[in-house]
Every structure is written in C-alpha cells, then in structure tokens.
Protein backbone atom coordinates (compact mmCIF):
# COMPACT_ATOMS: atom_id res chain seq x y z
CA MET A 1 0.05 0.01 0.02
CA ARG A 2 1.17 3.36 -1.08
CA ARG A 3 2.19 5.92 1.99
CA THR A 4 1.81 9.98 0.87
CA PHE A 5 3.56 11.22 3.86
CA ALA A 6 7.57 11.18 4.53
CA PRO A 7 9.79 9.91 2.77
CA PHE A 8 7.36 8.05 0.74
CA TYR A 9 5.68 10.27 -0.32
CA GLY A 10 3.15 8.58 -2.73
CA LYS A 11 5.75 6.41 -4.61
CA ARG A 12 5.54 2.92 -5.85
CA PHE A 13 9.04 1.56 -5.40
CA ILE A 14 10.99 1.75 -2.10
CA GLY A 15 14.48 0.31 -1.57
CA ASN A 16 15.51 -0.92 1.41
CA ASN A 17 19.45 0.28 1.38
CA ASN A 18 20.42 -1.62 5.05
CA PRO A 19 24.07 -3.69 5.13
CA GLY A 20 22.79 -6.90 3.88
CA HIS A 21 19.28 -6.14 2.43
CA MET A 22 19.37 -3.70 -0.27
CA GLU A 23 15.95 -4.33 -1.79
CA VAL A 24 13.57 -2.91 -3.24
CA HIS A 25 10.03 -3.16 -2.67
CA ASP A 26 6.94 -2.83 -4.48
CA LEU A 27 4.00 -1.11 -2.46
CA ASP A 28 1.50 -1.85 -4.77
CA LYS A 29 2.14 -5.56 -4.42
CA GLU A 30 3.09 -5.28 -0.96
CA THR A 31 2.63 -8.37 1.33
CA GLN A 32 2.92 -7.96 5.72
CA SER A 33 6.43 -10.58 4.64
CA CYS A 34 7.38 -7.10 3.26
CA GLN A 35 7.79 -5.13 6.55
CA ILE A 36 8.09 -1.37 5.08
CA ASP A 37 7.14 0.01 8.20
CA ILE A 38 9.88 -1.65 10.67
CA ILE A 39 12.64 -0.03 7.79
CA GLU A 40 14.15 2.21 9.48
CA LEU A 41 14.25 5.94 8.16
CA HIS A 42 17.16 6.74 7.59
CA HIS A 43 17.78 3.01 5.48
CA ILE A 44 14.54 4.16 3.62
CA VAL A 45 15.14 4.63 -0.51
CA ILE A 46 12.82 6.40 -3.21
CA PHE A 47 13.84 6.41 -6.86
CA SER A 48 14.07 9.04 -9.59
CA PRO A 49 12.08 7.99 -11.68
CA ASP A 50 9.88 5.91 -9.99
CA THR A 51 10.74 2.44 -11.74
CA LEU A 52 11.87 -0.40 -10.89
CA GLU A 53 14.69 0.13 -13.74
CA GLU A 54 16.17 2.15 -11.78
CA ALA A 55 16.28 0.88 -8.80
CA LYS A 56 18.20 -1.89 -10.68
CA LYS A 57 20.28 0.71 -11.79
CA ASN A 58 21.19 1.73 -8.26
CA ARG A 59 21.74 -1.84 -7.47
CA PHE A 60 18.90 -2.41 -5.86
CA ASP A 61 18.05 -7.04 -5.65
CA ASN A 62 14.02 -7.10 -5.14
CA CYS A 63 11.98 -8.36 -2.65
CA VAL A 64 11.28 -12.06 -2.69
CA TYR A 65 7.95 -11.22 -1.62
CA CYS A 66 6.54 -8.37 -3.38
CA ILE A 67 8.51 -9.10 -6.60
CA GLY A 68 9.82 -12.04 -6.53
CA ASN A 69 12.67 -13.02 -8.68
CA SER A 70 15.53 -12.03 -6.26
CA GLN A 71 18.81 -13.31 -6.44
CA LYS A 72 20.23 -13.58 -2.25
C-alpha cells in the first residue's frame, strides 16, 4: 500500500539500503512479509524516476515477497 507521508510521498518503489538487505519493494504489491513499516527511516530510498529499472540501476535486489525473482 502506498504511503503519502514522508519519506514515501506516494512512491511505488521503495528501497531498503540497510547493509545486507539492499532490496527494492513494490508498494502496489506489498505483503505482510515485506515489513516496510519496520525499515528505519534513514535506510529508506526513493527512486527518480520511480521505476523498478531505476532501482536495478542502483544495484537493489528484488524483494522476494512483493516482486519475486530475488538474486539472494
């Protein structure tokens, strides 16, 4: 579910840059297993443009739960 408040601002793709995670989530397909709400705010990354391709260019791996095909 997209969130309109900071730091999400309605974005669809959200990255978690916590070392050891580096994964991107699709908030339109979020599951309970994604646990977006427990990511520390300073580890949240938004992408411009707000696309999966942009996240991939920044070396984020897919979340296994909301996107699938994770490389981890």
